[in-house]
Amino acid sequence: MSLAKYLDDNKIDQIQDDQKFMEAEYNAIQAYCEDCGYLITHSDLETIESRGLGESFIDWKEVYIKELWADLGKVSMSLETEEIARAWRHFPPGTHREDIWYWFEETFNVSVAELMGQ
């Protein structure tokens, strides 16, 4: 489902009170992005930007990525093989850490070195 349809289904644009509209729009767009893991289409991004929430999207996505990275840090990893001991997200046990790091960089266009604080 596209963001535009999601907003339409939730009747966001039908809210008459300006304050309630802005809060509902903001919360709905943030929830949609989180549900998608911030992997949205170009059309969704255009919708976000046309509603003046482009910078908010960038901030939300940054927080999401940092939280995802912190969650990965809680997964046990073999010191010898550098493979995760249990499934994490869509990665099965035995996945090498560099494969996951590559996924972070490719999926979110981020630097793992920066996520590590280096």
PDB file of N, CA and C in Angstrom:
ATOM      1  N   MET A   1       0.836  -1.169   0.000  1.00  0.00           N
ATOM      2  CA  MET A   1       0.000   0.000   0.000  1.00  0.00           C
ATOM      3  C   MET A   1       0.887   1.240   0.000  1.00  0.00           C
ATOM      4  N   SER A   2       0.532   2.209  -0.788  1.00  0.00           N
ATOM      5  CA  SER A   2       1.293   3.453  -0.844  1.00  0.00           C
ATOM      6  C   SER A   2       0.953   4.334   0.356  1.00  0.00           C
ATOM      7  N   LEU A   3       1.821   5.284   0.617  1.00  0.00           N
ATOM      8  CA  LEU A   3       1.572   6.229   1.703  1.00  0.00           C
ATOM      9  C   LEU A   3       0.314   7.039   1.416  1.00  0.00           C
ATOM     10  N   ALA A   4       0.145   7.463   0.178  1.00  0.00           N
ATOM     11  CA  ALA A   4      -1.040   8.251  -0.169  1.00  0.00           C
ATOM     12  C   ALA A   4      -2.319   7.475   0.142  1.00  0.00           C
ATOM     13  N   LYS A   5      -2.328   6.191  -0.205  1.00  0.00           N
ATOM     14  CA  LYS A   5      -3.511   5.356   0.074  1.00  0.00           C
ATOM     15  C   LYS A   5      -3.672   5.167   1.578  1.00  0.00           C
ATOM     16  N   TYR A   6      -2.579   4.963   2.274  1.00  0.00           N
ATOM     17  CA  TYR A   6      -2.615   4.803   3.728  1.00  0.00           C
ATOM     18  C   TYR A   6      -3.249   6.035   4.381  1.00  0.00           C
ATOM     19  N   LEU A   7      -2.821   7.220   3.952  1.00  0.00           N
ATOM     20  CA  LEU A   7      -3.376   8.450   4.504  1.00  0.00           C
ATOM     21  C   LEU A   7      -4.850   8.596   4.141  1.00  0.00           C
ATOM     22  N   ASP A   8      -5.184   8.213   2.917  1.00  0.00           N
ATOM     23  CA  ASP A   8      -6.573   8.262   2.469  1.00  0.00           C
ATOM     24  C   ASP A   8      -7.438   7.287   3.276  1.00  0.00           C
ATOM     25  N   ASP A   9      -6.958   6.047   3.446  1.00  0.00           N
ATOM     26  CA  ASP A   9      -7.706   5.040   4.209  1.00  0.00           C
ATOM     27  C   ASP A   9      -7.934   5.468   5.653  1.00  0.00           C
ATOM     28  N   ASN A  10      -6.971   6.202   6.193  1.00  0.00           N
ATOM     29  CA  ASN A  10      -7.071   6.673   7.575  1.00  0.00           C
ATOM     30  C   ASN A  10      -7.753   8.039   7.679  1.00  0.00           C
ATOM     31  N   LYS A  11      -8.216   8.539   6.535  1.00  0.00           N
ATOM     32  CA  LYS A  11      -8.986   9.786   6.468  1.00  0.00           C
ATOM     33  C   LYS A  11      -8.262  10.975   7.099  1.00  0.00           C
ATOM     34  N   ILE A  12      -6.970  11.005   6.941  1.00  0.00           N
ATOM     35  CA  ILE A  12      -6.167  12.078   7.534  1.00  0.00           C
ATOM     36  C   ILE A  12      -6.554  13.441   6.966  1.00  0.00           C
ATOM     37  N   ASP A  13      -6.714  13.526   5.660  1.00  0.00           N
ATOM     38  CA  ASP A  13      -7.010  14.815   5.027  1.00  0.00           C
ATOM     39  C   ASP A  13      -8.428  15.301   5.294  1.00  0.00           C
ATOM     40  N   GLN A  14      -9.240  14.482   5.925  1.00  0.00           N
ATOM     41  CA  GLN A  14     -10.618  14.880   6.243  1.00  0.00           C
ATOM     42  C   GLN A  14     -10.746  15.516   7.624  1.00  0.00           C
ATOM     43  N   ILE A  15      -9.651  15.544   8.362  1.00  0.00           N
ATOM     44  CA  ILE A  15      -9.685  16.139   9.702  1.00  0.00           C
ATOM     45  C   ILE A  15      -9.755  17.649   9.562  1.00  0.00           C
ATOM     46  N   GLN A  16     -10.759  18.250  10.150  1.00  0.00           N
ATOM     47  CA  GLN A  16     -11.016  19.686   9.997  1.00  0.00           C
ATOM     48  C   GLN A  16     -10.162  20.560  10.919  1.00  0.00           C
ATOM     49  N   ASP A  17      -9.972  20.142  12.141  1.00  0.00           N
ATOM     50  CA  ASP A  17      -9.211  20.935  13.104  1.00  0.00           C
ATOM     51  C   ASP A  17      -7.729  20.898  12.724  1.00  0.00           C
ATOM     52  N   ASP A  18      -7.127  22.070  12.538  1.00  0.00           N
ATOM     53  CA  ASP A  18      -5.737  22.158  12.068  1.00  0.00           C
ATOM     54  C   ASP A  18      -4.753  21.439  12.988  1.00  0.00           C
ATOM     55  N   GLN A  19      -4.886  21.651  14.287  1.00  0.00           N
ATOM     56  CA  GLN A  19      -3.960  21.027  15.234  1.00  0.00           C
ATOM     57  C   GLN A  19      -4.098  19.512  15.207  1.00  0.00           C
ATOM     58  N   LYS A  20      -5.334  19.020  15.220  1.00  0.00           N
ATOM     59  CA  LYS A  20      -5.563  17.577  15.173  1.00  0.00           C
ATOM     60  C   LYS A  20      -5.074  16.998  13.847  1.00  0.00           C
ATOM     61  N   PHE A  21      -5.281  17.745  12.771  1.00  0.00           N
ATOM     62  CA  PHE A  21      -4.816  17.297  11.460  1.00  0.00           C
ATOM     63  C   PHE A  21      -3.294  17.139  11.442  1.00  0.00           C
ATOM     64  N   MET A  22      -2.597  18.179  11.910  1.00  0.00           N
ATOM     65  CA  MET A  22      -1.123  18.132  11.876  1.00  0.00           C
ATOM     66  C   MET A  22      -0.590  16.981  12.724  1.00  0.00           C
ATOM     67  N   GLU A  23      -1.166  16.757  13.892  1.00  0.00           N
ATOM     68  CA  GLU A  23      -0.722  15.672  14.753  1.00  0.00           C
ATOM     69  C   GLU A  23      -1.021  14.313  14.115  1.00  0.00           C
ATOM     70  N   ALA A  24      -2.224  14.173  13.568  1.00  0.00           N
ATOM     71  CA  ALA A  24      -2.609  12.902  12.947  1.00  0.00           C
ATOM     72  C   ALA A  24      -1.759  12.621  11.708  1.00  0.00           C
ATOM     73  N   GLU A  25      -1.509  13.636  10.911  1.00  0.00           N
ATOM     74  CA  GLU A  25      -0.684  13.481   9.703  1.00  0.00           C
ATOM     75  C   GLU A  25       0.734  13.058  10.081  1.00  0.00           C
ATOM     76  N   TYR A  26       1.328  13.770  11.012  1.00  0.00           N
ATOM     77  CA  TYR A  26       2.683  13.484  11.477  1.00  0.00           C
ATOM     78  C   TYR A  26       2.781  12.055  12.006  1.00  0.00           C
ATOM     79  N   ASN A  27       1.855  11.698  12.901  1.00  0.00           N
ATOM     80  CA  ASN A  27       1.886  10.369  13.513  1.00  0.00           C
ATOM     81  C   ASN A  27       1.621   9.267  12.493  1.00  0.00           C
ATOM     82  N   ALA A  28       0.702   9.514  11.566  1.00  0.00           N
ATOM     83  CA  ALA A  28       0.381   8.500  10.558  1.00  0.00           C
ATOM     84  C   ALA A  28       1.567   8.263   9.623  1.00  0.00           C
ATOM     85  N   ILE A  29       2.209   9.323   9.193  1.00  0.00           N
ATOM     86  CA  ILE A  29       3.350   9.167   8.289  1.00  0.00           C
ATOM     87  C   ILE A  29       4.508   8.476   9.002  1.00  0.00           C
ATOM     88  N   GLN A  30       4.752   8.848  10.245  1.00  0.00           N
ATOM     89  CA  GLN A  30       5.821   8.192  11.002  1.00  0.00           C
ATOM     90  C   GLN A  30       5.513   6.712  11.196  1.00  0.00           C
ATOM     91  N   ALA A  31       4.277   6.380  11.534  1.00  0.00           N
ATOM     92  CA  ALA A  31       3.891   4.977  11.725  1.00  0.00           C
ATOM     93  C   ALA A  31       4.039   4.181  10.431  1.00  0.00           C
ATOM     94  N   TYR A  32       3.626   4.768   9.332  1.00  0.00           N
ATOM     95  CA  TYR A  32       3.747   4.104   8.023  1.00  0.00           C
ATOM     96  C   TYR A  32       5.215   3.793   7.722  1.00  0.00           C
ATOM     97  N   CYS A  33       6.073   4.783   7.942  1.00  0.00           N
ATOM     98  CA  CYS A  33       7.510   4.607   7.660  1.00  0.00           C
ATOM     99  C   CYS A  33       8.120   3.532   8.557  1.00  0.00           C
ATOM    100  N   GLU A  34       7.748   3.522   9.815  1.00  0.00           N
ATOM    101  CA  GLU A  34       8.258   2.496  10.728  1.00  0.00           C
ATOM    102  C   GLU A  34       7.793   1.114  10.308  1.00  0.00           C
ATOM    103  N   ASP A  35       6.514   1.016   9.922  1.00  0.00           N
ATOM    104  CA  ASP A  35       5.983  -0.281   9.474  1.00  0.00           C
ATOM    105  C   ASP A  35       6.730  -0.786   8.243  1.00  0.00           C
ATOM    106  N   CYS A  36       7.186   0.133   7.413  1.00  0.00           N
ATOM    107  CA  CYS A  36       7.931  -0.233   6.198  1.00  0.00           C
ATOM    108  C   CYS A  36       9.425  -0.379   6.463  1.00  0.00           C
ATOM    109  N   GLY A  37       9.853  -0.155   7.686  1.00  0.00           N
ATOM    110  CA  GLY A  37      11.280  -0.194   7.987  1.00  0.00           C
ATOM    111  C   GLY A  37      12.041   0.897   7.256  1.00  0.00           C
ATOM    112  N   TYR A  38      11.354   1.988   6.957  1.00  0.00           N
ATOM    113  CA  TYR A  38      11.922   3.143   6.249  1.00  0.00           C
ATOM    114  C   TYR A  38      12.391   2.803   4.840  1.00  0.00           C
ATOM    115  N   LEU A  39      11.900   1.705   4.319  1.00  0.00           N
ATOM    116  CA  LEU A  39      12.192   1.305   2.945  1.00  0.00           C
ATOM    117  C   LEU A  39      10.971   1.683   2.110  1.00  0.00           C
ATOM    118  N   ILE A  40      10.908   2.952   1.767  1.00  0.00           N
ATOM    119  CA  ILE A  40       9.740   3.490   1.083  1.00  0.00           C
ATOM    120  C   ILE A  40      10.048   3.748  -0.394  1.00  0.00           C
ATOM    121  N   THR A  41       8.994   3.936  -1.154  1.00  0.00           N
ATOM    122  CA  THR A  41       9.147   4.209  -2.585  1.00  0.00           C
ATOM    123  C   THR A  41       9.439   5.685  -2.816  1.00  0.00           C
ATOM    124  N   HIS A  42       9.852   5.971  -4.034  1.00  0.00           N
ATOM    125  CA  HIS A  42      10.095   7.369  -4.427  1.00  0.00           C
ATOM    126  C   HIS A  42       8.792   8.166  -4.316  1.00  0.00           C
ATOM    127  N   SER A  43       7.700   7.549  -4.697  1.00  0.00           N
ATOM    128  CA  SER A  43       6.396   8.198  -4.614  1.00  0.00           C
ATOM    129  C   SER A  43       6.040   8.525  -3.163  1.00  0.00           C
ATOM    130  N   ASP A  44       6.325   7.600  -2.247  1.00  0.00           N
ATOM    131  CA  ASP A  44       6.073   7.856  -0.827  1.00  0.00           C
ATOM    132  C   ASP A  44       6.915   9.030  -0.336  1.00  0.00           C
ATOM    133  N   LEU A  45       8.167   9.063  -0.747  1.00  0.00           N
ATOM    134  CA  LEU A  45       9.043  10.163  -0.336  1.00  0.00           C
ATOM    135  C   LEU A  45       8.523  11.491  -0.875  1.00  0.00           C
ATOM    136  N   GLU A  46       8.035  11.487  -2.101  1.00  0.00           N
ATOM    137  CA  GLU A  46       7.454  12.710  -2.667  1.00  0.00           C
ATOM    138  C   GLU A  46       6.245  13.164  -1.850  1.00  0.00           C
ATOM    139  N   THR A  47       5.431  12.217  -1.424  1.00  0.00           N
ATOM    140  CA  THR A  47       4.272  12.550  -0.590  1.00  0.00           C
ATOM    141  C   THR A  47       4.729  13.171   0.723  1.00  0.00           C
ATOM    142  N   ILE A  48       5.738  12.581   1.334  1.00  0.00           N
ATOM    143  CA  ILE A  48       6.269  13.101   2.603  1.00  0.00           C
ATOM    144  C   ILE A  48       6.792  14.520   2.408  1.00  0.00           C
ATOM    145  N   GLU A  49       7.561  14.715   1.363  1.00  0.00           N
ATOM    146  CA  GLU A  49       8.143  16.032   1.112  1.00  0.00           C
ATOM    147  C   GLU A  49       7.077  17.067   0.759  1.00  0.00           C
ATOM    148  N   SER A  50       6.075  16.660   0.006  1.00  0.00           N
ATOM    149  CA  SER A  50       5.011  17.604  -0.364  1.00  0.00           C
ATOM    150  C   SER A  50       4.200  18.050   0.847  1.00  0.00           C
ATOM    151  N   ARG A  51       4.229  17.266   1.896  1.00  0.00           N
ATOM    152  CA  ARG A  51       3.518  17.604   3.123  1.00  0.00           C
ATOM    153  C   ARG A  51       4.430  18.317   4.123  1.00  0.00           C
ATOM    154  N   GLY A  52       5.637  18.645   3.698  1.00  0.00           N
ATOM    155  CA  GLY A  52       6.553  19.404   4.542  1.00  0.00           C
ATOM    156  C   GLY A  52       7.209  18.601   5.648  1.00  0.00           C
ATOM    157  N   LEU A  53       7.259  17.269   5.486  1.00  0.00           N
ATOM    158  CA  LEU A  53       7.837  16.430   6.534  1.00  0.00           C
ATOM    159  C   LEU A  53       9.120  15.723   6.092  1.00  0.00           C
ATOM    160  N   GLY A  54       9.783  16.264   5.076  1.00  0.00           N
ATOM    161  CA  GLY A  54      11.023  15.672   4.581  1.00  0.00           C
ATOM    162  C   GLY A  54      12.111  15.598   5.636  1.00  0.00           C
ATOM    163  N   GLU A  55      12.298  16.689   6.365  1.00  0.00           N
ATOM    164  CA  GLU A  55      13.344  16.698   7.395  1.00  0.00           C
ATOM    165  C   GLU A  55      12.972  15.792   8.564  1.00  0.00           C
ATOM    166  N   SER A  56      11.698  15.735   8.891  1.00  0.00           N
ATOM    167  CA  SER A  56      11.258  14.824   9.951  1.00  0.00           C
ATOM    168  C   SER A  56      11.536  13.389   9.544  1.00  0.00           C
ATOM    169  N   PHE A  57      11.265  13.061   8.265  1.00  0.00           N
ATOM    170  CA  PHE A  57      11.539  11.716   7.775  1.00  0.00           C
ATOM    171  C   PHE A  57      13.010  11.364   7.946  1.00  0.00           C
ATOM    172  N   ILE A  58      13.888  12.277   7.604  1.00  0.00           N
ATOM    173  CA  ILE A  58      15.332  12.034   7.741  1.00  0.00           C
ATOM    174  C   ILE A  58      15.679  11.771   9.205  1.00  0.00           C
ATOM    175  N   ASP A  59      15.119  12.570  10.097  1.00  0.00           N
ATOM    176  CA  ASP A  59      15.375  12.390  11.535  1.00  0.00           C
ATOM    177  C   ASP A  59      14.837  11.054  12.030  1.00  0.00           C
ATOM    178  N   TRP A  60      13.600  10.718  11.636  1.00  0.00           N
ATOM    179  CA  TRP A  60      13.008   9.450  12.068  1.00  0.00           C
ATOM    180  C   TRP A  60      13.843   8.280  11.574  1.00  0.00           C
ATOM    181  N   LYS A  61      14.272   8.354  10.321  1.00  0.00           N
ATOM    182  CA  LYS A  61      15.038   7.261   9.722  1.00  0.00           C
ATOM    183  C   LYS A  61      16.385   7.097  10.432  1.00  0.00           C
ATOM    184  N   GLU A  62      17.019   8.206  10.758  1.00  0.00           N
ATOM    185  CA  GLU A  62      18.301   8.156  11.463  1.00  0.00           C
ATOM    186  C   GLU A  62      18.155   7.473  12.821  1.00  0.00           C
ATOM    187  N   VAL A  63      17.117   7.825  13.551  1.00  0.00           N
ATOM    188  CA  VAL A  63      16.857   7.203  14.850  1.00  0.00           C
ATOM    189  C   VAL A  63      16.578   5.712  14.660  1.00  0.00           C
ATOM    190  N   TYR A  64      15.780   5.372  13.664  1.00  0.00           N
ATOM    191  CA  TYR A  64      15.444   3.975  13.383  1.00  0.00           C
ATOM    192  C   TYR A  64      16.705   3.156  13.106  1.00  0.00           C
ATOM    193  N   ILE A  65      17.586   3.688  12.282  1.00  0.00           N
ATOM    194  CA  ILE A  65      18.820   2.971  11.926  1.00  0.00           C
ATOM    195  C   ILE A  65      19.695   2.775  13.165  1.00  0.00           C
ATOM    196  N   LYS A  66      19.821   3.802  13.985  1.00  0.00           N
ATOM    197  CA  LYS A  66      20.629   3.688  15.206  1.00  0.00           C
ATOM    198  C   LYS A  66      20.036   2.655  16.162  1.00  0.00           C
ATOM    199  N   GLU A  67      18.711   2.636  16.268  1.00  0.00           N
ATOM    200  CA  GLU A  67      18.062   1.640  17.129  1.00  0.00           C
ATOM    201  C   GLU A  67      18.244   0.229  16.565  1.00  0.00           C
ATOM    202  N   LEU A  68      18.163   0.104  15.254  1.00  0.00           N
ATOM    203  CA  LEU A  68      18.371  -1.183  14.602  1.00  0.00           C
ATOM    204  C   LEU A  68      19.802  -1.668  14.837  1.00  0.00           C
ATOM    205  N   TRP A  69      20.751  -0.755  14.715  1.00  0.00           N
ATOM    206  CA  TRP A  69      22.158  -1.079  14.942  1.00  0.00           C
ATOM    207  C   TRP A  69      22.369  -1.520  16.400  1.00  0.00           C
ATOM    208  N   ALA A  70      21.751  -0.798  17.331  1.00  0.00           N
ATOM    209  CA  ALA A  70      21.868  -1.161  18.752  1.00  0.00           C
ATOM    210  C   ALA A  70      21.250  -2.537  19.004  1.00  0.00           C
ATOM    211  N   ASP A  71      20.155  -2.833  18.334  1.00  0.00           N
ATOM    212  CA  ASP A  71      19.517  -4.138  18.471  1.00  0.00           C
ATOM    213  C   ASP A  71      20.440  -5.243  17.967  1.00  0.00           C
ATOM    214  N   LEU A  72      21.117  -4.999  16.864  1.00  0.00           N
ATOM    215  CA  LEU A  72      22.084  -5.977  16.354  1.00  0.00           C
ATOM    216  C   LEU A  72      23.188  -6.216  17.383  1.00  0.00           C
ATOM    217  N   GLY A  73      23.575  -5.172  18.083  1.00  0.00           N
ATOM    218  CA  GLY A  73      24.619  -5.300  19.096  1.00  0.00           C
ATOM    219  C   GLY A  73      24.259  -6.227  20.249  1.00  0.00           C
ATOM    220  N   LYS A  74      22.982  -6.533  20.396  1.00  0.00           N
ATOM    221  CA  LYS A  74      22.527  -7.430  21.463  1.00  0.00           C
ATOM    222  C   LYS A  74      22.560  -8.896  21.038  1.00  0.00           C
ATOM    223  N   VAL A  75      22.851  -9.142  19.775  1.00  0.00           N
ATOM    224  CA  VAL A  75      22.870 -10.510  19.251  1.00  0.00           C
ATOM    225  C   VAL A  75      24.241 -11.121  19.486  1.00  0.00           C
ATOM    226  N   SER A  76      24.265 -12.283  20.100  1.00  0.00           N
ATOM    227  CA  SER A  76      25.536 -12.981  20.337  1.00  0.00           C
ATOM    228  C   SER A  76      26.185 -13.341  19.015  1.00  0.00           C
ATOM    229  N   MET A  77      27.512 -13.237  19.029  1.00  0.00           N
ATOM    230  CA  MET A  77      28.278 -13.535  17.830  1.00  0.00           C
ATOM    231  C   MET A  77      29.503 -14.355  18.217  1.00  0.00           C
ATOM    232  N   SER A  78      29.823 -15.347  17.415  1.00  0.00           N
ATOM    233  CA  SER A  78      31.007 -16.156  17.658  1.00  0.00           C
ATOM    234  C   SER A  78      32.257 -15.315  17.419  1.00  0.00           C
ATOM    235  N   LEU A  79      33.152 -15.286  18.393  1.00  0.00           N
ATOM    236  CA  LEU A  79      34.400 -14.542  18.232  1.00  0.00           C
ATOM    237  C   LEU A  79      35.302 -15.181  17.176  1.00  0.00           C
ATOM    238  N   GLU A  80      35.186 -16.491  17.046  1.00  0.00           N
ATOM    239  CA  GLU A  80      36.027 -17.204  16.076  1.00  0.00           C
ATOM    240  C   GLU A  80      35.551 -17.013  14.640  1.00  0.00           C
ATOM    241  N   THR A  81      34.245 -17.164  14.429  1.00  0.00           N
ATOM    242  CA  THR A  81      33.714 -17.131  13.057  1.00  0.00           C
ATOM    243  C   THR A  81      33.089 -15.799  12.680  1.00  0.00           C
ATOM    244  N   GLU A  82      32.830 -14.955  13.676  1.00  0.00           N
ATOM    245  CA  GLU A  82      32.147 -13.669  13.481  1.00  0.00           C
ATOM    246  C   GLU A  82      30.776 -13.854  12.840  1.00  0.00           C
ATOM    247  N   GLU A  83      30.096 -14.932  13.242  1.00  0.00           N
ATOM    248  CA  GLU A  83      28.761 -15.233  12.748  1.00  0.00           C
ATOM    249  C   GLU A  83      27.766 -15.080  13.897  1.00  0.00           C
ATOM    250  N   ILE A  84      26.551 -14.623  13.569  1.00  0.00           N
ATOM    251  CA  ILE A  84      25.546 -14.462  14.611  1.00  0.00           C
ATOM    252  C   ILE A  84      25.064 -15.829  15.097  1.00  0.00           C
ATOM    253  N   ALA A  85      24.770 -15.890  16.393  1.00  0.00           N
ATOM    254  CA  ALA A  85      24.398 -17.158  17.012  1.00  0.00           C
ATOM    255  C   ALA A  85      22.904 -17.467  16.873  1.00  0.00           C
ATOM    256  N   ARG A  86      22.096 -16.423  16.690  1.00  0.00           N
ATOM    257  CA  ARG A  86      20.653 -16.626  16.521  1.00  0.00           C
ATOM    258  C   ARG A  86      20.162 -15.751  15.374  1.00  0.00           C
ATOM    259  N   ALA A  87      18.986 -16.065  14.919  1.00  0.00           N
ATOM    260  CA  ALA A  87      18.401 -15.274  13.834  1.00  0.00           C
ATOM    261  C   ALA A  87      18.204 -13.828  14.289  1.00  0.00           C
ATOM    262  N   TRP A  88      18.453 -12.926  13.371  1.00  0.00           N
ATOM    263  CA  TRP A  88      18.200 -11.502  13.612  1.00  0.00           C
ATOM    264  C   TRP A  88      17.601 -10.921  12.345  1.00  0.00           C
ATOM    265  N   ARG A  89      16.406 -10.335  12.506  1.00  0.00           N
ATOM    266  CA  ARG A  89      15.640  -9.829  11.357  1.00  0.00           C
ATOM    267  C   ARG A  89      15.473 -10.964  10.347  1.00  0.00           C
ATOM    268  N   HIS A  90      15.917 -10.771   9.127  1.00  0.00           N
ATOM    269  CA  HIS A  90      15.782 -11.824   8.113  1.00  0.00           C
ATOM    270  C   HIS A  90      17.048 -12.656   7.957  1.00  0.00           C
ATOM    271  N   PHE A  91      18.042 -12.409   8.804  1.00  0.00           N
ATOM    272  CA  PHE A  91      19.307 -13.132   8.730  1.00  0.00           C
ATOM    273  C   PHE A  91      19.253 -14.378   9.617  1.00  0.00           C
ATOM    274  N   PRO A  92      19.564 -15.541   9.066  1.00  0.00           N
ATOM    275  CA  PRO A  92      19.540 -16.766   9.874  1.00  0.00           C
ATOM    276  C   PRO A  92      20.790 -16.879  10.753  1.00  0.00           C
ATOM    277  N   PRO A  93      20.741 -17.738  11.763  1.00  0.00           N
ATOM    278  CA  PRO A  93      21.947 -17.999  12.554  1.00  0.00           C
ATOM    279  C   PRO A  93      23.070 -18.430  11.618  1.00  0.00           C
ATOM    280  N   GLY A  94      24.272 -18.013  11.934  1.00  0.00           N
ATOM    281  CA  GLY A  94      25.424 -18.369  11.111  1.00  0.00           C
ATOM    282  C   GLY A  94      25.769 -17.332  10.057  1.00  0.00           C
ATOM    283  N   THR A  95      24.986 -16.259   9.976  1.00  0.00           N
ATOM    284  CA  THR A  95      25.299 -15.193   9.018  1.00  0.00           C
ATOM    285  C   THR A  95      26.513 -14.420   9.513  1.00  0.00           C
ATOM    286  N   HIS A  96      27.464 -14.186   8.632  1.00  0.00           N
ATOM    287  CA  HIS A  96      28.675 -13.442   8.992  1.00  0.00           C
ATOM    288  C   HIS A  96      28.337 -11.969   9.203  1.00  0.00           C
ATOM    289  N   ARG A  97      29.003 -11.374  10.177  1.00  0.00           N
ATOM    290  CA  ARG A  97      28.721  -9.969  10.525  1.00  0.00           C
ATOM    291  C   ARG A  97      28.902  -9.038   9.341  1.00  0.00           C
ATOM    292  N   GLU A  98      29.878  -9.304   8.488  1.00  0.00           N
ATOM    293  CA  GLU A  98      30.110  -8.408   7.348  1.00  0.00           C
ATOM    294  C   GLU A  98      28.967  -8.448   6.352  1.00  0.00           C
ATOM    295  N   ASP A  99      28.257  -9.578   6.258  1.00  0.00           N
ATOM    296  CA  ASP A  99      27.072  -9.639   5.395  1.00  0.00           C
ATOM    297  C   ASP A  99      25.980  -8.717   5.930  1.00  0.00           C
ATOM    298  N   ILE A 100      25.857  -8.686   7.240  1.00  0.00           N
ATOM    299  CA  ILE A 100      24.856  -7.808   7.860  1.00  0.00           C
ATOM    300  C   ILE A 100      25.287  -6.355   7.720  1.00  0.00           C
ATOM    301  N   TRP A 101      26.556  -6.104   7.902  1.00  0.00           N
ATOM    302  CA  TRP A 101      27.058  -4.743   7.736  1.00  0.00           C
ATOM    303  C   TRP A 101      26.821  -4.252   6.309  1.00  0.00           C
ATOM    304  N   TYR A 102      27.079  -5.119   5.348  1.00  0.00           N
ATOM    305  CA  TYR A 102      26.852  -4.769   3.947  1.00  0.00           C
ATOM    306  C   TYR A 102      25.381  -4.428   3.733  1.00  0.00           C
ATOM    307  N   TRP A 103      24.490  -5.221   4.340  1.00  0.00           N
ATOM    308  CA  TRP A 103      23.054  -4.962   4.233  1.00  0.00           C
ATOM    309  C   TRP A 103      22.715  -3.576   4.776  1.00  0.00           C
ATOM    310  N   PHE A 104      23.273  -3.220   5.935  1.00  0.00           N
ATOM    311  CA  PHE A 104      23.038  -1.886   6.493  1.00  0.00           C
ATOM    312  C   PHE A 104      23.463  -0.800   5.498  1.00  0.00           C
ATOM    313  N   GLU A 105      24.659  -0.936   4.969  1.00  0.00           N
ATOM    314  CA  GLU A 105      25.178   0.087   4.066  1.00  0.00           C
ATOM    315  C   GLU A 105      24.367   0.185   2.781  1.00  0.00           C
ATOM    316  N   GLU A 106      24.013  -0.949   2.213  1.00  0.00           N
ATOM    317  CA  GLU A 106      23.262  -0.959   0.950  1.00  0.00           C
ATOM    318  C   GLU A 106      21.805  -0.543   1.151  1.00  0.00           C
ATOM    319  N   THR A 107      21.206  -1.012   2.210  1.00  0.00           N
ATOM    320  CA  THR A 107      19.786  -0.756   2.434  1.00  0.00           C
ATOM    321  C   THR A 107      19.512   0.675   2.867  1.00  0.00           C
ATOM    322  N   PHE A 108      20.353   1.187   3.743  1.00  0.00           N
ATOM    323  CA  PHE A 108      20.096   2.496   4.333  1.00  0.00           C
ATOM    324  C   PHE A 108      21.078   3.579   3.889  1.00  0.00           C
ATOM    325  N   ASN A 109      21.994   3.235   3.003  1.00  0.00           N
ATOM    326  CA  ASN A 109      22.974   4.204   2.496  1.00  0.00           C
ATOM    327  C   ASN A 109      23.693   4.897   3.655  1.00  0.00           C
ATOM    328  N   VAL A 110      24.202   4.073   4.569  1.00  0.00           N
ATOM    329  CA  VAL A 110      24.944   4.565   5.725  1.00  0.00           C
ATOM    330  C   VAL A 110      26.314   3.902   5.760  1.00  0.00           C
ATOM    331  N   SER A 111      27.182   4.449   6.581  1.00  0.00           N
ATOM    332  CA  SER A 111      28.507   3.881   6.782  1.00  0.00           C
ATOM    333  C   SER A 111      28.524   3.116   8.100  1.00  0.00           C
ATOM    334  N   VAL A 112      28.877   1.848   8.052  1.00  0.00           N
ATOM    335  CA  VAL A 112      28.983   1.058   9.269  1.00  0.00           C
ATOM    336  C   VAL A 112      30.046   1.658  10.177  1.00  0.00           C
ATOM    337  N   ALA A 113      31.109   2.166   9.620  1.00  0.00           N
ATOM    338  CA  ALA A 113      32.152   2.807  10.436  1.00  0.00           C
ATOM    339  C   ALA A 113      31.555   3.964  11.231  1.00  0.00           C
ATOM    340  N   GLU A 114      30.676   4.740  10.618  1.00  0.00           N
ATOM    341  CA  GLU A 114      30.022   5.829  11.338  1.00  0.00           C
ATOM    342  C   GLU A 114      29.071   5.301  12.400  1.00  0.00           C
ATOM    343  N   LEU A 115      28.363   4.220  12.092  1.00  0.00           N
ATOM    344  CA  LEU A 115      27.479   3.617  13.091  1.00  0.00           C
ATOM    345  C   LEU A 115      28.271   3.122  14.296  1.00  0.00           C
ATOM    346  N   MET A 116      29.490   2.676  14.046  1.00  0.00           N
ATOM    347  CA  MET A 116      30.350   2.194  15.123  1.00  0.00           C
ATOM    348  C   MET A 116      30.967   3.355  15.900  1.00  0.00           C
ATOM    349  N   GLY A 117      30.848   4.548  15.358  1.00  0.00           N
ATOM    350  CA  GLY A 117      31.398   5.709  16.024  1.00  0.00           C
ATOM    351  C   GLY A 117      32.851   5.962  15.717  1.00  0.00           C
ATOM    352  N   GLN A 118      33.320   5.403  14.607  1.00  0.00           N
ATOM    353  CA  GLN A 118      34.735   5.578  14.240  1.00  0.00           C
ATOM    354  C   GLN A 118      34.907   6.765  13.320  1.00  0.00           C
TER     355      GLN A 118
END
